[in-house]
Amino acid sequence: MLKQALAALFMAVVAVPALAQRKAEVKFQPGNFGTMVNGTITGDEYFDYVLGAKGAQELFAELQVSDTNGNGVIYFNILPPGSDGVAIYNGSIDGNTARITLPEDGDYTIRV
């Protein structure tokens, strides 16, 4: 039986190579420090949200599941620049809300 879930992911960045099945670049409107993205995940799919950030910035991400058929679990991981799948935040262990200080400049991936 396939797992289905609708998820909203809120991401904020404040100043202070496995290939995705689906991928989107996250951009913030000028003057804004956050945005919300929505999507649907089915079965063993995953979706990569990629955003550029500077080291020492704080990244906040929160996953809200709005609908599921009751089979399986949905979570997100945060991968640093150049990662081959190794996460610096693991939602299956650490939960659906992350607030981390980024270790380096580059493109970070939030994999749902």
PDB file of N, CA and C in Angstrom:
ATOM      1  N   MET A   1       0.855  -1.162   0.000  1.00  0.00           N
ATOM      2  CA  MET A   1       0.000   0.000   0.000  1.00  0.00           C
ATOM      3  C   MET A   1       0.913   1.240   0.000  1.00  0.00           C
ATOM      4  N   LEU A   2       0.618   2.237  -0.807  1.00  0.00           N
ATOM      5  CA  LEU A   2       1.443   3.432  -0.915  1.00  0.00           C
ATOM      6  C   LEU A   2       1.115   4.429   0.178  1.00  0.00           C
ATOM      7  N   LYS A   3       2.145   5.071   0.683  1.00  0.00           N
ATOM      8  CA  LYS A   3       1.971   6.147   1.645  1.00  0.00           C
ATOM      9  C   LYS A   3       1.709   7.425   0.860  1.00  0.00           C
ATOM     10  N   GLN A   4       0.787   8.247   1.300  1.00  0.00           N
ATOM     11  CA  GLN A   4       0.558   9.545   0.687  1.00  0.00           C
ATOM     12  C   GLN A   4       0.503  10.571   1.798  1.00  0.00           C
ATOM     13  N   ALA A   5       1.095  11.724   1.541  1.00  0.00           N
ATOM     14  CA  ALA A   5       1.048  12.794   2.520  1.00  0.00           C
ATOM     15  C   ALA A   5       1.177  14.119   1.814  1.00  0.00           C
ATOM     16  N   LEU A   6       0.452  15.086   2.281  1.00  0.00           N
ATOM     17  CA  LEU A   6       0.639  16.460   1.853  1.00  0.00           C
ATOM     18  C   LEU A   6       1.460  17.117   2.941  1.00  0.00           C
ATOM     19  N   ALA A   7       2.462  17.881   2.551  1.00  0.00           N
ATOM     20  CA  ALA A   7       3.337  18.466   3.545  1.00  0.00           C
ATOM     21  C   ALA A   7       3.576  19.927   3.232  1.00  0.00           C
ATOM     22  N   ALA A   8       3.661  20.720   4.267  1.00  0.00           N
ATOM     23  CA  ALA A   8       4.061  22.116   4.124  1.00  0.00           C
ATOM     24  C   ALA A   8       5.366  22.258   4.884  1.00  0.00           C
ATOM     25  N   LEU A   9       6.313  22.879   4.284  1.00  0.00           N
ATOM     26  CA  LEU A   9       7.618  23.045   4.902  1.00  0.00           C
ATOM     27  C   LEU A   9       7.909  24.529   4.952  1.00  0.00           C
ATOM     28  N   PHE A  10       8.126  25.061   6.147  1.00  0.00           N
ATOM     29  CA  PHE A  10       8.459  26.462   6.317  1.00  0.00           C
ATOM     30  C   PHE A  10       9.946  26.541   6.549  1.00  0.00           C
ATOM     31  N   MET A  11      10.619  27.409   5.780  1.00  0.00           N
ATOM     32  CA  MET A  11      12.051  27.540   5.911  1.00  0.00           C
ATOM     33  C   MET A  11      12.406  29.002   6.116  1.00  0.00           C
ATOM     34  N   ALA A  12      13.343  29.240   6.978  1.00  0.00           N
ATOM     35  CA  ALA A  12      13.821  30.600   7.177  1.00  0.00           C
ATOM     36  C   ALA A  12      15.322  30.558   7.376  1.00  0.00           C
ATOM     37  N   VAL A  13      15.998  31.523   6.816  1.00  0.00           N
ATOM     38  CA  VAL A  13      17.429  31.665   7.025  1.00  0.00           C
ATOM     39  C   VAL A  13      17.639  33.072   7.555  1.00  0.00           C
ATOM     40  N   VAL A  14      18.295  33.155   8.689  1.00  0.00           N
ATOM     41  CA  VAL A  14      18.522  34.442   9.292  1.00  0.00           C
ATOM     42  C   VAL A  14      20.013  34.691   9.359  1.00  0.00           C
ATOM     43  N   ALA A  15      20.421  35.975   9.141  1.00  0.00           N
ATOM     44  CA  ALA A  15      21.849  36.260   9.165  1.00  0.00           C
ATOM     45  C   ALA A  15      22.401  35.892  10.527  1.00  0.00           C
ATOM     46  N   VAL A  16      23.199  35.828  11.111  1.00  0.00           N
ATOM     47  CA  VAL A  16      23.941  35.410  12.291  1.00  0.00           C
ATOM     48  C   VAL A  16      24.937  34.375  11.657  1.00  0.00           C
ATOM     49  N   PRO A  17      25.880  13.309  -3.523  1.00  0.00           N
ATOM     50  CA  PRO A  17      25.112  13.559  -4.722  1.00  0.00           C
ATOM     51  C   PRO A  17      24.158  12.498  -5.181  1.00  0.00           C
ATOM     52  N   ALA A  18      23.318  12.208  -4.120  1.00  0.00           N
ATOM     53  CA  ALA A  18      22.206  11.408  -4.652  1.00  0.00           C
ATOM     54  C   ALA A  18      21.293  12.354  -5.400  1.00  0.00           C
ATOM     55  N   LEU A  19      20.737  11.930  -6.547  1.00  0.00           N
ATOM     56  CA  LEU A  19      19.870  12.786  -7.326  1.00  0.00           C
ATOM     57  C   LEU A  19      18.449  12.669  -6.813  1.00  0.00           C
ATOM     58  N   ALA A  20      17.802  13.826  -6.643  1.00  0.00           N
ATOM     59  CA  ALA A  20      16.427  13.835  -6.166  1.00  0.00           C
ATOM     60  C   ALA A  20      15.487  13.339  -7.243  1.00  0.00           C
ATOM     61  N   GLN A  21      14.419  12.731  -6.808  1.00  0.00           N
ATOM     62  CA  GLN A  21      13.367  12.368  -7.743  1.00  0.00           C
ATOM     63  C   GLN A  21      12.701  13.645  -8.241  1.00  0.00           C
ATOM     64  N   ARG A  22      12.567  14.621  -7.353  1.00  0.00           N
ATOM     65  CA  ARG A  22      12.071  15.949  -7.699  1.00  0.00           C
ATOM     66  C   ARG A  22      12.907  16.970  -6.940  1.00  0.00           C
ATOM     67  N   LYS A  23      13.078  18.135  -7.553  1.00  0.00           N
ATOM     68  CA  LYS A  23      13.963  19.138  -6.963  1.00  0.00           C
ATOM     69  C   LYS A  23      13.418  20.530  -7.275  1.00  0.00           C
ATOM     70  N   ALA A  24      13.523  21.451  -6.307  1.00  0.00           N
ATOM     71  CA  ALA A  24      13.097  22.831  -6.509  1.00  0.00           C
ATOM     72  C   ALA A  24      14.066  23.757  -5.778  1.00  0.00           C
ATOM     73  N   GLU A  25      14.360  24.887  -6.390  1.00  0.00           N
ATOM     74  CA  GLU A  25      15.195  25.896  -5.755  1.00  0.00           C
ATOM     75  C   GLU A  25      14.297  26.811  -4.936  1.00  0.00           C
ATOM     76  N   VAL A  26      14.710  27.080  -3.701  1.00  0.00           N
ATOM     77  CA  VAL A  26      13.936  27.935  -2.810  1.00  0.00           C
ATOM     78  C   VAL A  26      14.535  29.328  -2.856  1.00  0.00           C
ATOM     79  N   LYS A  27      13.696  30.308  -3.122  1.00  0.00           N
ATOM     80  CA  LYS A  27      14.107  31.718  -3.155  1.00  0.00           C
ATOM     81  C   LYS A  27      13.229  32.494  -2.189  1.00  0.00           C
ATOM     82  N   PHE A  28      13.817  33.495  -1.555  1.00  0.00           N
ATOM     83  CA  PHE A  28      13.069  34.381  -0.677  1.00  0.00           C
ATOM     84  C   PHE A  28      12.805  35.691  -1.404  1.00  0.00           C
ATOM     85  N   GLN A  29      11.617  36.252  -1.209  1.00  0.00           N
ATOM     86  CA  GLN A  29      11.308  37.561  -1.769  1.00  0.00           C
ATOM     87  C   GLN A  29      12.226  38.587  -1.113  1.00  0.00           C
ATOM     88  N   PRO A  30      12.621  39.654  -1.863  1.00  0.00           N
ATOM     89  CA  PRO A  30      13.493  40.688  -1.276  1.00  0.00           C
ATOM     90  C   PRO A  30      12.914  41.214   0.036  1.00  0.00           C
ATOM     91  N   GLY A  31      13.760  41.263   1.052  1.00  0.00           N
ATOM     92  CA  GLY A  31      13.358  41.758   2.360  1.00  0.00           C
ATOM     93  C   GLY A  31      12.733  40.710   3.265  1.00  0.00           C
ATOM     94  N   ASN A  32      12.445  39.513   2.751  1.00  0.00           N
ATOM     95  CA  ASN A  32      11.870  38.436   3.560  1.00  0.00           C
ATOM     96  C   ASN A  32      12.956  37.445   3.955  1.00  0.00           C
ATOM     97  N   PHE A  33      12.777  36.848   5.125  1.00  0.00           N
ATOM     98  CA  PHE A  33      13.739  35.882   5.618  1.00  0.00           C
ATOM     99  C   PHE A  33      13.186  34.470   5.647  1.00  0.00           C
ATOM    100  N   GLY A  34      12.000  34.275   5.053  1.00  0.00           N
ATOM    101  CA  GLY A  34      11.405  32.948   5.069  1.00  0.00           C
ATOM    102  C   GLY A  34      10.404  32.776   3.953  1.00  0.00           C
ATOM    103  N   THR A  35      10.000  31.537   3.760  1.00  0.00           N
ATOM    104  CA  THR A  35       8.995  31.198   2.760  1.00  0.00           C
ATOM    105  C   THR A  35       8.364  29.873   3.147  1.00  0.00           C
ATOM    106  N   MET A  36       7.227  29.568   2.525  1.00  0.00           N
ATOM    107  CA  MET A  36       6.568  28.286   2.743  1.00  0.00           C
ATOM    108  C   MET A  36       6.439  27.591   1.395  1.00  0.00           C
ATOM    109  N   VAL A  37       6.695  26.297   1.390  1.00  0.00           N
ATOM    110  CA  VAL A  37       6.526  25.494   0.185  1.00  0.00           C
ATOM    111  C   VAL A  37       5.579  24.348   0.515  1.00  0.00           C
ATOM    112  N   ASN A  38       4.821  23.913  -0.475  1.00  0.00           N
ATOM    113  CA  ASN A  38       3.867  22.814  -0.302  1.00  0.00           C
ATOM    114  C   ASN A  38       4.156  21.742  -1.335  1.00  0.00           C
ATOM    115  N   GLY A  39       3.871  20.508  -0.990  1.00  0.00           N
ATOM    116  CA  GLY A  39       4.068  19.437  -1.947  1.00  0.00           C
ATOM    117  C   GLY A  39       3.418  18.154  -1.480  1.00  0.00           C
ATOM    118  N   THR A  40       3.446  17.179  -2.349  1.00  0.00           N
ATOM    119  CA  THR A  40       2.886  15.867  -2.054  1.00  0.00           C
ATOM    120  C   THR A  40       3.973  14.816  -2.246  1.00  0.00           C
ATOM    121  N   ILE A  41       4.063  13.904  -1.307  1.00  0.00           N
ATOM    122  CA  ILE A  41       5.016  12.796  -1.371  1.00  0.00           C
ATOM    123  C   ILE A  41       4.201  11.507  -1.370  1.00  0.00           C
ATOM    124  N   THR A  42       4.527  10.589  -2.268  1.00  0.00           N
ATOM    125  CA  THR A  42       3.818   9.316  -2.358  1.00  0.00           C
ATOM    126  C   THR A  42       4.826   8.174  -2.308  1.00  0.00           C
ATOM    127  N   GLY A  43       4.531   7.172  -1.520  1.00  0.00           N
ATOM    128  CA  GLY A  43       5.392   5.993  -1.453  1.00  0.00           C
ATOM    129  C   GLY A  43       6.770   6.327  -0.942  1.00  0.00           C
ATOM    130  N   ASP A  44       7.795   5.849  -1.654  1.00  0.00           N
ATOM    131  CA  ASP A  44       9.174   6.084  -1.249  1.00  0.00           C
ATOM    132  C   ASP A  44       9.783   7.296  -1.945  1.00  0.00           C
ATOM    133  N   GLU A  45       8.962   8.167  -2.502  1.00  0.00           N
ATOM    134  CA  GLU A  45       9.466   9.364  -3.175  1.00  0.00           C
ATOM    135  C   GLU A  45      10.131  10.298  -2.179  1.00  0.00           C
ATOM    136  N   TYR A  46      10.929  11.187  -2.710  1.00  0.00           N
ATOM    137  CA  TYR A  46      11.442  12.298  -1.912  1.00  0.00           C
ATOM    138  C   TYR A  46      11.551  13.524  -2.787  1.00  0.00           C
ATOM    139  N   PHE A  47      11.608  14.664  -2.145  1.00  0.00           N
ATOM    140  CA  PHE A  47      11.647  15.949  -2.841  1.00  0.00           C
ATOM    141  C   PHE A  47      12.755  16.766  -2.201  1.00  0.00           C
ATOM    142  N   ASP A  48      13.670  17.290  -3.034  1.00  0.00           N
ATOM    143  CA  ASP A  48      14.763  18.134  -2.534  1.00  0.00           C
ATOM    144  C   ASP A  48      14.438  19.606  -2.744  1.00  0.00           C
ATOM    145  N   TYR A  49      14.485  20.367  -1.659  1.00  0.00           N
ATOM    146  CA  TYR A  49      14.373  21.824  -1.711  1.00  0.00           C
ATOM    147  C   TYR A  49      15.771  22.367  -1.466  1.00  0.00           C
ATOM    148  N   VAL A  50      16.306  23.133  -2.412  1.00  0.00           N
ATOM    149  CA  VAL A  50      17.688  23.602  -2.351  1.00  0.00           C
ATOM    150  C   VAL A  50      17.700  25.109  -2.140  1.00  0.00           C
ATOM    151  N   LEU A  51      18.509  25.563  -1.189  1.00  0.00           N
ATOM    152  CA  LEU A  51      18.660  26.998  -0.968  1.00  0.00           C
ATOM    153  C   LEU A  51      20.100  27.338  -0.647  1.00  0.00           C
ATOM    154  N   GLY A  52      20.548  28.464  -1.176  1.00  0.00           N
ATOM    155  CA  GLY A  52      21.899  28.951  -0.894  1.00  0.00           C
ATOM    156  C   GLY A  52      21.912  29.718   0.415  1.00  0.00           C
ATOM    157  N   ALA A  53      22.979  29.534   1.171  1.00  0.00           N
ATOM    158  CA  ALA A  53      23.103  30.217   2.456  1.00  0.00           C
ATOM    159  C   ALA A  53      24.581  30.386   2.798  1.00  0.00           C
ATOM    160  N   LYS A  54      24.836  31.243   3.756  1.00  0.00           N
ATOM    161  CA  LYS A  54      26.191  31.503   4.230  1.00  0.00           C
ATOM    162  C   LYS A  54      26.430  30.763   5.542  1.00  0.00           C
ATOM    163  N   GLY A  55      27.679  30.382   5.758  1.00  0.00           N
ATOM    164  CA  GLY A  55      28.052  29.795   7.031  1.00  0.00           C
ATOM    165  C   GLY A  55      27.751  30.773   8.143  1.00  0.00           C
ATOM    166  N   ALA A  56      27.350  30.275   9.291  1.00  0.00           N
ATOM    167  CA  ALA A  56      27.002  31.024  10.494  1.00  0.00           C
ATOM    168  C   ALA A  56      25.579  31.583  10.442  1.00  0.00           C
ATOM    169  N   GLN A  57      24.877  31.442   9.303  1.00  0.00           N
ATOM    170  CA  GLN A  57      23.462  31.796   9.292  1.00  0.00           C
ATOM    171  C   GLN A  57      22.696  30.695  10.011  1.00  0.00           C
ATOM    172  N   GLU A  58      21.509  31.058  10.515  1.00  0.00           N
ATOM    173  CA  GLU A  58      20.673  30.082  11.184  1.00  0.00           C
ATOM    174  C   GLU A  58      19.570  29.649  10.228  1.00  0.00           C
ATOM    175  N   LEU A  59      19.380  28.343  10.108  1.00  0.00           N
ATOM    176  CA  LEU A  59      18.337  27.776   9.259  1.00  0.00           C
ATOM    177  C   LEU A  59      17.242  27.222  10.159  1.00  0.00           C
ATOM    178  N   PHE A  60      16.019  27.641   9.877  1.00  0.00           N
ATOM    179  CA  PHE A  60      14.852  27.122  10.577  1.00  0.00           C
ATOM    180  C   PHE A  60      13.978  26.425   9.537  1.00  0.00           C
ATOM    181  N   ALA A  61      13.596  25.187   9.800  1.00  0.00           N
ATOM    182  CA  ALA A  61      12.702  24.450   8.905  1.00  0.00           C
ATOM    183  C   ALA A  61      11.726  23.664   9.761  1.00  0.00           C
ATOM    184  N   GLU A  62      10.475  23.673   9.332  1.00  0.00           N
ATOM    185  CA  GLU A  62       9.435  22.940  10.056  1.00  0.00           C
ATOM    186  C   GLU A  62       8.546  22.214   9.052  1.00  0.00           C
ATOM    187  N   LEU A  63       8.283  20.958   9.311  1.00  0.00           N
ATOM    188  CA  LEU A  63       7.435  20.141   8.453  1.00  0.00           C
ATOM    189  C   LEU A  63       6.083  19.971   9.122  1.00  0.00           C
ATOM    190  N   GLN A  64       5.022  20.270   8.371  1.00  0.00           N
ATOM    191  CA  GLN A  64       3.661  20.065   8.859  1.00  0.00           C
ATOM    192  C   GLN A  64       2.958  19.137   7.877  1.00  0.00           C
ATOM    193  N   VAL A  65       2.528  17.995   8.369  1.00  0.00           N
ATOM    194  CA  VAL A  65       1.825  17.025   7.533  1.00  0.00           C
ATOM    195  C   VAL A  65       0.332  17.311   7.663  1.00  0.00           C
ATOM    196  N   SER A  66      -0.305  17.590   6.515  1.00  0.00           N
ATOM    197  CA  SER A  66      -1.717  17.965   6.554  1.00  0.00           C
ATOM    198  C   SER A  66      -2.658  16.818   6.213  1.00  0.00           C
ATOM    199  N   ASP A  67      -2.151  15.750   5.598  1.00  0.00           N
ATOM    200  CA  ASP A  67      -3.025  14.640   5.227  1.00  0.00           C
ATOM    201  C   ASP A  67      -2.168  13.399   4.980  1.00  0.00           C
ATOM    202  N   THR A  68      -2.666  12.258   5.402  1.00  0.00           N
ATOM    203  CA  THR A  68      -1.972  10.998   5.148  1.00  0.00           C
ATOM    204  C   THR A  68      -2.994   9.873   5.135  1.00  0.00           C
ATOM    205  N   ASN A  69      -2.656   8.789   4.475  1.00  0.00           N
ATOM    206  CA  ASN A  69      -3.557   7.628   4.493  1.00  0.00           C
ATOM    207  C   ASN A  69      -3.261   6.728   5.685  1.00  0.00           C
ATOM    208  N   GLY A  70      -2.348   7.159   6.552  1.00  0.00           N
ATOM    209  CA  GLY A  70      -2.055   6.409   7.761  1.00  0.00           C
ATOM    210  C   GLY A  70      -0.939   5.394   7.639  1.00  0.00           C
ATOM    211  N   ASN A  71      -0.380   5.213   6.459  1.00  0.00           N
ATOM    212  CA  ASN A  71       0.694   4.241   6.263  1.00  0.00           C
ATOM    213  C   ASN A  71       2.019   4.963   6.141  1.00  0.00           C
ATOM    214  N   GLY A  72       2.935   4.678   7.032  1.00  0.00           N
ATOM    215  CA  GLY A  72       4.265   5.261   6.924  1.00  0.00           C
ATOM    216  C   GLY A  72       4.412   6.576   7.670  1.00  0.00           C
ATOM    217  N   VAL A  73       5.605   7.143   7.526  1.00  0.00           N
ATOM    218  CA  VAL A  73       5.988   8.362   8.225  1.00  0.00           C
ATOM    219  C   VAL A  73       6.666   9.278   7.221  1.00  0.00           C
ATOM    220  N   ILE A  74       6.489  10.572   7.383  1.00  0.00           N
ATOM    221  CA  ILE A  74       7.186  11.536   6.538  1.00  0.00           C
ATOM    222  C   ILE A  74       8.066  12.401   7.437  1.00  0.00           C
ATOM    223  N   TYR A  75       9.259  12.687   6.975  1.00  0.00           N
ATOM    224  CA  TYR A  75      10.189  13.523   7.730  1.00  0.00           C
ATOM    225  C   TYR A  75      11.128  14.201   6.733  1.00  0.00           C
ATOM    226  N   PHE A  76      12.012  15.064   7.228  1.00  0.00           N
ATOM    227  CA  PHE A  76      12.984  15.724   6.363  1.00  0.00           C
ATOM    228  C   PHE A  76      14.375  15.642   6.962  1.00  0.00           C
ATOM    229  N   ASN A  77      15.360  15.706   6.080  1.00  0.00           N
ATOM    230  CA  ASN A  77      16.768  15.787   6.468  1.00  0.00           C
ATOM    231  C   ASN A  77      17.352  17.047   5.862  1.00  0.00           C
ATOM    232  N   ILE A  78      18.380  17.591   6.486  1.00  0.00           N
ATOM    233  CA  ILE A  78      19.100  18.736   5.934  1.00  0.00           C
ATOM    234  C   ILE A  78      20.500  18.259   5.570  1.00  0.00           C
ATOM    235  N   LEU A  79      20.839  18.436   4.282  1.00  0.00           N
ATOM    236  CA  LEU A  79      22.140  18.011   3.762  1.00  0.00           C
ATOM    237  C   LEU A  79      23.010  19.231   3.494  1.00  0.00           C
ATOM    238  N   PRO A  80      24.273  19.192   3.906  1.00  0.00           N
ATOM    239  CA  PRO A  80      25.176  20.321   3.666  1.00  0.00           C
ATOM    240  C   PRO A  80      25.652  20.359   2.216  1.00  0.00           C
ATOM    241  N   PRO A  81      26.302  21.443   1.821  1.00  0.00           N
ATOM    242  CA  PRO A  81      26.844  21.537   0.454  1.00  0.00           C
ATOM    243  C   PRO A  81      27.750  20.345   0.143  1.00  0.00           C
ATOM    244  N   GLY A  82      27.583  19.760  -1.048  1.00  0.00           N
ATOM    245  CA  GLY A  82      28.444  18.662  -1.483  1.00  0.00           C
ATOM    246  C   GLY A  82      28.154  17.320  -0.846  1.00  0.00           C
ATOM    247  N   SER A  83      27.081  17.202  -0.081  1.00  0.00           N
ATOM    248  CA  SER A  83      26.778  15.947   0.611  1.00  0.00           C
ATOM    249  C   SER A  83      26.430  14.835  -0.374  1.00  0.00           C
ATOM    250  N   ASP A  84      26.837  13.618  -0.043  1.00  0.00           N
ATOM    251  CA  ASP A  84      26.464  12.447  -0.837  1.00  0.00           C
ATOM    252  C   ASP A  84      25.286  11.723  -0.184  1.00  0.00           C
ATOM    253  N   GLY A  85      24.515  12.454   0.603  1.00  0.00           N
ATOM    254  CA  GLY A  85      23.349  11.887   1.281  1.00  0.00           C
ATOM    255  C   GLY A  85      23.462  11.915   2.786  1.00  0.00           C
ATOM    256  N   VAL A  86      24.634  12.265   3.311  1.00  0.00           N
ATOM    257  CA  VAL A  86      24.827  12.341   4.753  1.00  0.00           C
ATOM    258  C   VAL A  86      24.256  13.666   5.256  1.00  0.00           C
ATOM    259  N   ALA A  87      23.346  13.582   6.221  1.00  0.00           N
ATOM    260  CA  ALA A  87      22.631  14.751   6.718  1.00  0.00           C
ATOM    261  C   ALA A  87      23.294  15.356   7.951  1.00  0.00           C
ATOM    262  N   ILE A  88      23.127  16.668   8.106  1.00  0.00           N
ATOM    263  CA  ILE A  88      23.548  17.344   9.343  1.00  0.00           C
ATOM    264  C   ILE A  88      22.354  17.511  10.279  1.00  0.00           C
ATOM    265  N   TYR A  89      21.157  17.195   9.776  1.00  0.00           N
ATOM    266  CA  TYR A  89      19.940  17.155  10.588  1.00  0.00           C
ATOM    267  C   TYR A  89      19.104  15.995  10.075  1.00  0.00           C
ATOM    268  N   ASN A  90      18.680  15.121  10.967  1.00  0.00           N
ATOM    269  CA  ASN A  90      17.918  13.929  10.599  1.00  0.00           C
ATOM    270  C   ASN A  90      16.555  13.992  11.281  1.00  0.00           C
ATOM    271  N   GLY A  91      15.524  14.319  10.514  1.00  0.00           N
ATOM    272  CA  GLY A  91      14.187  14.485  11.062  1.00  0.00           C
ATOM    273  C   GLY A  91      13.596  13.226  11.655  1.00  0.00           C
ATOM    274  N   SER A  92      13.986  12.041  11.184  1.00  0.00           N
ATOM    275  CA  SER A  92      13.439  10.807  11.748  1.00  0.00           C
ATOM    276  C   SER A  92      13.932  10.604  13.183  1.00  0.00           C
ATOM    277  N   ILE A  93      15.032  11.250  13.533  1.00  0.00           N
ATOM    278  CA  ILE A  93      15.576  11.167  14.895  1.00  0.00           C
ATOM    279  C   ILE A  93      15.261  12.434  15.688  1.00  0.00           C
ATOM    280  N   ASP A  94      15.455  13.605  15.026  1.00  0.00           N
ATOM    281  CA  ASP A  94      15.394  14.890  15.727  1.00  0.00           C
ATOM    282  C   ASP A  94      14.035  15.584  15.662  1.00  0.00           C
ATOM    283  N   GLY A  95      13.090  15.092  14.871  1.00  0.00           N
ATOM    284  CA  GLY A  95      11.746  15.665  14.842  1.00  0.00           C
ATOM    285  C   GLY A  95      11.493  16.555  13.634  1.00  0.00           C
ATOM    286  N   ASN A  96      10.297  17.119  13.584  1.00  0.00           N
ATOM    287  CA  ASN A  96       9.843  17.886  12.429  1.00  0.00           C
ATOM    288  C   ASN A  96      10.139  19.382  12.503  1.00  0.00           C
ATOM    289  N   THR A  97      10.934  19.825  13.461  1.00  0.00           N
ATOM    290  CA  THR A  97      11.335  21.227  13.552  1.00  0.00           C
ATOM    291  C   THR A  97      12.847  21.292  13.752  1.00  0.00           C
ATOM    292  N   ALA A  98      13.506  22.018  12.844  1.00  0.00           N
ATOM    293  CA  ALA A  98      14.967  22.157  12.937  1.00  0.00           C
ATOM    294  C   ALA A  98      15.335  23.622  13.062  1.00  0.00           C
ATOM    295  N   ARG A  99      16.312  23.903  13.883  1.00  0.00           N
ATOM    296  CA  ARG A  99      16.923  25.228  13.991  1.00  0.00           C
ATOM    297  C   ARG A  99      18.413  24.973  14.176  1.00  0.00           C
ATOM    298  N   ILE A 100      19.176  25.202  13.086  1.00  0.00           N
ATOM    299  CA  ILE A 100      20.604  24.904  13.165  1.00  0.00           C
ATOM    300  C   ILE A 100      21.419  26.064  12.614  1.00  0.00           C
ATOM    301  N   THR A 101      22.616  26.209  13.139  1.00  0.00           N
ATOM    302  CA  THR A 101      23.577  27.171  12.615  1.00  0.00           C
ATOM    303  C   THR A 101      24.363  26.463  11.522  1.00  0.00           C
ATOM    304  N   LEU A 102      24.392  27.068  10.341  1.00  0.00           N
ATOM    305  CA  LEU A 102      25.021  26.426   9.186  1.00  0.00           C
ATOM    306  C   LEU A 102      26.539  26.516   9.280  1.00  0.00           C
ATOM    307  N   PRO A 103      27.241  25.417   9.019  1.00  0.00           N
ATOM    308  CA  PRO A 103      28.684  25.372   9.202  1.00  0.00           C
ATOM    309  C   PRO A 103      29.503  26.025   8.088  1.00  0.00           C
ATOM    310  N   GLU A 104      28.925  26.189   6.874  1.00  0.00           N
ATOM    311  CA  GLU A 104      29.712  26.712   5.754  1.00  0.00           C
ATOM    312  C   GLU A 104      28.813  27.355   4.716  1.00  0.00           C
ATOM    313  N   ASP A 105      29.406  28.134   3.817  1.00  0.00           N
ATOM    314  CA  ASP A 105      28.691  28.718   2.688  1.00  0.00           C
ATOM    315  C   ASP A 105      28.358  27.632   1.673  1.00  0.00           C
ATOM    316  N   GLY A 106      27.220  27.802   0.978  1.00  0.00           N
ATOM    317  CA  GLY A 106      26.911  26.880  -0.110  1.00  0.00           C
ATOM    318  C   GLY A 106      25.439  26.584  -0.232  1.00  0.00           C
ATOM    319  N   ASP A 107      25.121  25.616  -1.068  1.00  0.00           N
ATOM    320  CA  ASP A 107      23.755  25.199  -1.300  1.00  0.00           C
ATOM    321  C   ASP A 107      23.395  24.053  -0.372  1.00  0.00           C
ATOM    322  N   TYR A 108      22.371  24.283   0.463  1.00  0.00           N
ATOM    323  CA  TYR A 108      21.882  23.285   1.396  1.00  0.00           C
ATOM    324  C   TYR A 108      20.635  22.635   0.813  1.00  0.00           C
ATOM    325  N   THR A 109      20.443  21.364   1.094  1.00  0.00           N
ATOM    326  CA  THR A 109      19.284  20.632   0.598  1.00  0.00           C
ATOM    327  C   THR A 109      18.438  20.190   1.775  1.00  0.00           C
ATOM    328  N   ILE A 110      17.157  20.526   1.692  1.00  0.00           N
ATOM    329  CA  ILE A 110      16.192  19.984   2.651  1.00  0.00           C
ATOM    330  C   ILE A 110      15.443  18.901   1.894  1.00  0.00           C
ATOM    331  N   ARG A 111      15.694  17.665   2.289  1.00  0.00           N
ATOM    332  CA  ARG A 111      15.125  16.495   1.592  1.00  0.00           C
ATOM    333  C   ARG A 111      13.931  15.979   2.373  1.00  0.00           C
ATOM    334  N   VAL A 112      12.733  16.064   1.772  1.00  0.00           N
ATOM    335  CA  VAL A 112      11.500  15.579   2.396  1.00  0.00           C
ATOM    336  C   VAL A 112      11.201  14.212   1.805  1.00  0.00           C
TER     337      VAL A 112
END
